[in-house]
Amino acid sequence: MSSPALETCLAKLYTDDALRAAFLLEPRAQALLHGLSPQEAEAMAAMDRVGLRMAAASYRAKRAGRAAHGPQASPAQRWWRRLLAAWT
């Protein structure tokens, strides 16, 4: 089970380019600096760095898409739109 500090650190790594760059240079030190336990810091240091970069890029693209297209419709809204489109 992950700690709240670990989850917060991961979220920041996915969204903060400067933090991610610092983490990639010194992963264990950055993890400890952000309040992770020594065991969590070791696990973070062993993280797949290519996967981290890919996930961050994916989340950035998703956020950019949402900003460009506005909020997503809820499932109920999509259902109503399909229903209305079928009737017209």
C-alpha atoms as a PDB file:
ATOM      1  CA  MET A   1       0.000   0.000   0.000  1.00  0.00           C
ATOM      2  CA  SER A   2       1.327   3.430  -0.865  1.00  0.00           C
ATOM      3  CA  SER A   3       1.539   6.350   1.498  1.00  0.00           C
ATOM      4  CA  PRO A   4      -0.093   9.719   0.830  1.00  0.00           C
ATOM      5  CA  ALA A   5       3.399  11.228   0.537  1.00  0.00           C
ATOM      6  CA  LEU A   6       4.293   8.700  -2.178  1.00  0.00           C
ATOM      7  CA  GLU A   7       1.101   9.380  -4.103  1.00  0.00           C
ATOM      8  CA  THR A   8       1.645  13.138  -3.850  1.00  0.00           C
ATOM      9  CA  CYS A   9       5.236  12.792  -5.005  1.00  0.00           C
ATOM     10  CA  LEU A  10       4.179  10.702  -8.009  1.00  0.00           C
ATOM     11  CA  ALA A  11       1.502  13.216  -8.970  1.00  0.00           C
ATOM     12  CA  LYS A  12       4.043  16.027  -8.819  1.00  0.00           C
ATOM     13  CA  LEU A  13       6.525  14.023 -10.891  1.00  0.00           C
ATOM     14  CA  TYR A  14       3.896  13.562 -13.595  1.00  0.00           C
ATOM     15  CA  THR A  15       2.964  17.252 -13.699  1.00  0.00           C
ATOM     16  CA  ASP A  16       6.039  19.291 -12.715  1.00  0.00           C
ATOM     17  CA  ASP A  17       8.772  19.348 -15.362  1.00  0.00           C
ATOM     18  CA  ALA A  18      11.394  20.929 -13.078  1.00  0.00           C
ATOM     19  CA  LEU A  19      10.795  18.421 -10.291  1.00  0.00           C
ATOM     20  CA  ARG A  20      10.904  15.534 -12.760  1.00  0.00           C
ATOM     21  CA  ALA A  21      14.244  16.771 -14.145  1.00  0.00           C
ATOM     22  CA  ALA A  22      15.693  17.045 -10.626  1.00  0.00           C
ATOM     23  CA  PHE A  23      14.310  13.618  -9.733  1.00  0.00           C
ATOM     24  CA  LEU A  24      15.863  12.013 -12.796  1.00  0.00           C
ATOM     25  CA  LEU A  25      19.270  13.397 -11.755  1.00  0.00           C
ATOM     26  CA  GLU A  26      19.018  12.367  -8.092  1.00  0.00           C
ATOM     27  CA  PRO A  27      15.966  10.160  -7.541  1.00  0.00           C
ATOM     28  CA  ARG A  28      16.688   8.956  -4.009  1.00  0.00           C
ATOM     29  CA  ALA A  29      17.617  12.418  -2.710  1.00  0.00           C
ATOM     30  CA  GLN A  30      14.534  14.014  -4.262  1.00  0.00           C
ATOM     31  CA  ALA A  31      12.276  11.302  -2.877  1.00  0.00           C
ATOM     32  CA  LEU A  32      13.655  11.797   0.628  1.00  0.00           C
ATOM     33  CA  LEU A  33      13.366  15.565   0.232  1.00  0.00           C
ATOM     34  CA  HIS A  34       9.653  15.143  -0.484  1.00  0.00           C
ATOM     35  CA  GLY A  35       9.003  13.195   2.713  1.00  0.00           C
ATOM     36  CA  LEU A  36       9.210   9.599   1.525  1.00  0.00           C
ATOM     37  CA  SER A  37      10.552   6.865   3.763  1.00  0.00           C
ATOM     38  CA  PRO A  38      13.938   5.317   2.932  1.00  0.00           C
ATOM     39  CA  GLN A  39      12.153   2.229   1.560  1.00  0.00           C
ATOM     40  CA  GLU A  40       9.869   4.345  -0.624  1.00  0.00           C
ATOM     41  CA  ALA A  41      12.857   6.389  -1.787  1.00  0.00           C
ATOM     42  CA  GLU A  42      14.642   3.204  -2.853  1.00  0.00           C
ATOM     43  CA  ALA A  43      11.544   2.047  -4.731  1.00  0.00           C
ATOM     44  CA  MET A  44      11.280   5.430  -6.442  1.00  0.00           C
ATOM     45  CA  ALA A  45      14.959   5.292  -7.392  1.00  0.00           C
ATOM     46  CA  ALA A  46      14.291   1.964  -9.123  1.00  0.00           C
ATOM     47  CA  MET A  47      11.363   3.425 -11.084  1.00  0.00           C
ATOM     48  CA  ASP A  48      11.198   2.973 -14.842  1.00  0.00           C
ATOM     49  CA  ARG A  49      12.446   6.372 -15.991  1.00  0.00           C
ATOM     50  CA  VAL A  50      11.339   5.979 -19.594  1.00  0.00           C
ATOM     51  CA  GLY A  51       7.877   5.042 -18.341  1.00  0.00           C
ATOM     52  CA  LEU A  52       7.845   8.122 -16.096  1.00  0.00           C
ATOM     53  CA  ARG A  53       8.627  10.381 -19.056  1.00  0.00           C
ATOM     54  CA  MET A  54       6.020   8.663 -21.221  1.00  0.00           C
ATOM     55  CA  ALA A  55       3.320   8.921 -18.544  1.00  0.00           C
ATOM     56  CA  ALA A  56       4.112  12.606 -17.938  1.00  0.00           C
ATOM     57  CA  ALA A  57       3.880  13.328 -21.672  1.00  0.00           C
ATOM     58  CA  SER A  58       0.598  11.439 -21.903  1.00  0.00           C
ATOM     59  CA  TYR A  59      -0.930  13.334 -18.967  1.00  0.00           C
ATOM     60  CA  ARG A  60       0.304  16.646 -20.415  1.00  0.00           C
ATOM     61  CA  ALA A  61      -1.352  15.857 -23.766  1.00  0.00           C
ATOM     62  CA  LYS A  62      -4.562  14.827 -22.014  1.00  0.00           C
ATOM     63  CA  ARG A  63      -4.649  18.073 -19.999  1.00  0.00           C
ATOM     64  CA  ALA A  64      -3.972  20.105 -23.157  1.00  0.00           C
ATOM     65  CA  GLY A  65      -6.805  18.320 -24.957  1.00  0.00           C
ATOM     66  CA  ARG A  66      -9.233  19.024 -22.150  1.00  0.00           C
ATOM     67  CA  ALA A  67      -8.241  22.679 -22.074  1.00  0.00           C
ATOM     68  CA  ALA A  68      -8.752  22.971 -25.827  1.00  0.00           C
ATOM     69  CA  HIS A  69     -12.072  21.121 -25.947  1.00  0.00           C
ATOM     70  CA  GLY A  70     -13.646  22.111 -22.643  1.00  0.00           C
ATOM     71  CA  PRO A  71     -15.000  19.730 -20.046  1.00  0.00           C
ATOM     72  CA  GLN A  72     -15.946  16.212 -21.085  1.00  0.00           C
ATOM     73  CA  ALA A  73     -19.608  15.263 -21.262  1.00  0.00           C
ATOM     74  CA  SER A  74     -20.885  12.931 -18.577  1.00  0.00           C
ATOM     75  CA  PRO A  75     -22.053   9.439 -19.575  1.00  0.00           C
ATOM     76  CA  ALA A  76     -25.672  10.575 -19.129  1.00  0.00           C
ATOM     77  CA  GLN A  77     -25.114  13.562 -21.416  1.00  0.00           C
ATOM     78  CA  ARG A  78     -23.542  11.341 -24.066  1.00  0.00           C
ATOM     79  CA  TRP A  79     -26.484   8.910 -23.795  1.00  0.00           C
ATOM     80  CA  TRP A  80     -29.013  11.706 -24.257  1.00  0.00           C
ATOM     81  CA  ARG A  81     -27.102  13.072 -27.249  1.00  0.00           C
ATOM     82  CA  ARG A  82     -27.071   9.647 -28.907  1.00  0.00           C
ATOM     83  CA  LEU A  83     -30.773   9.194 -28.198  1.00  0.00           C
ATOM     84  CA  LEU A  84     -31.662  12.603 -29.605  1.00  0.00           C
ATOM     85  CA  ALA A  85     -29.465  12.046 -32.659  1.00  0.00           C
ATOM     86  CA  ALA A  86     -31.253   8.747 -33.339  1.00  0.00           C
ATOM     87  CA  TRP A  87     -34.651  10.506 -33.271  1.00  0.00           C
ATOM     88  CA  THR A  88     -33.668  13.233 -35.729  1.00  0.00           C
END
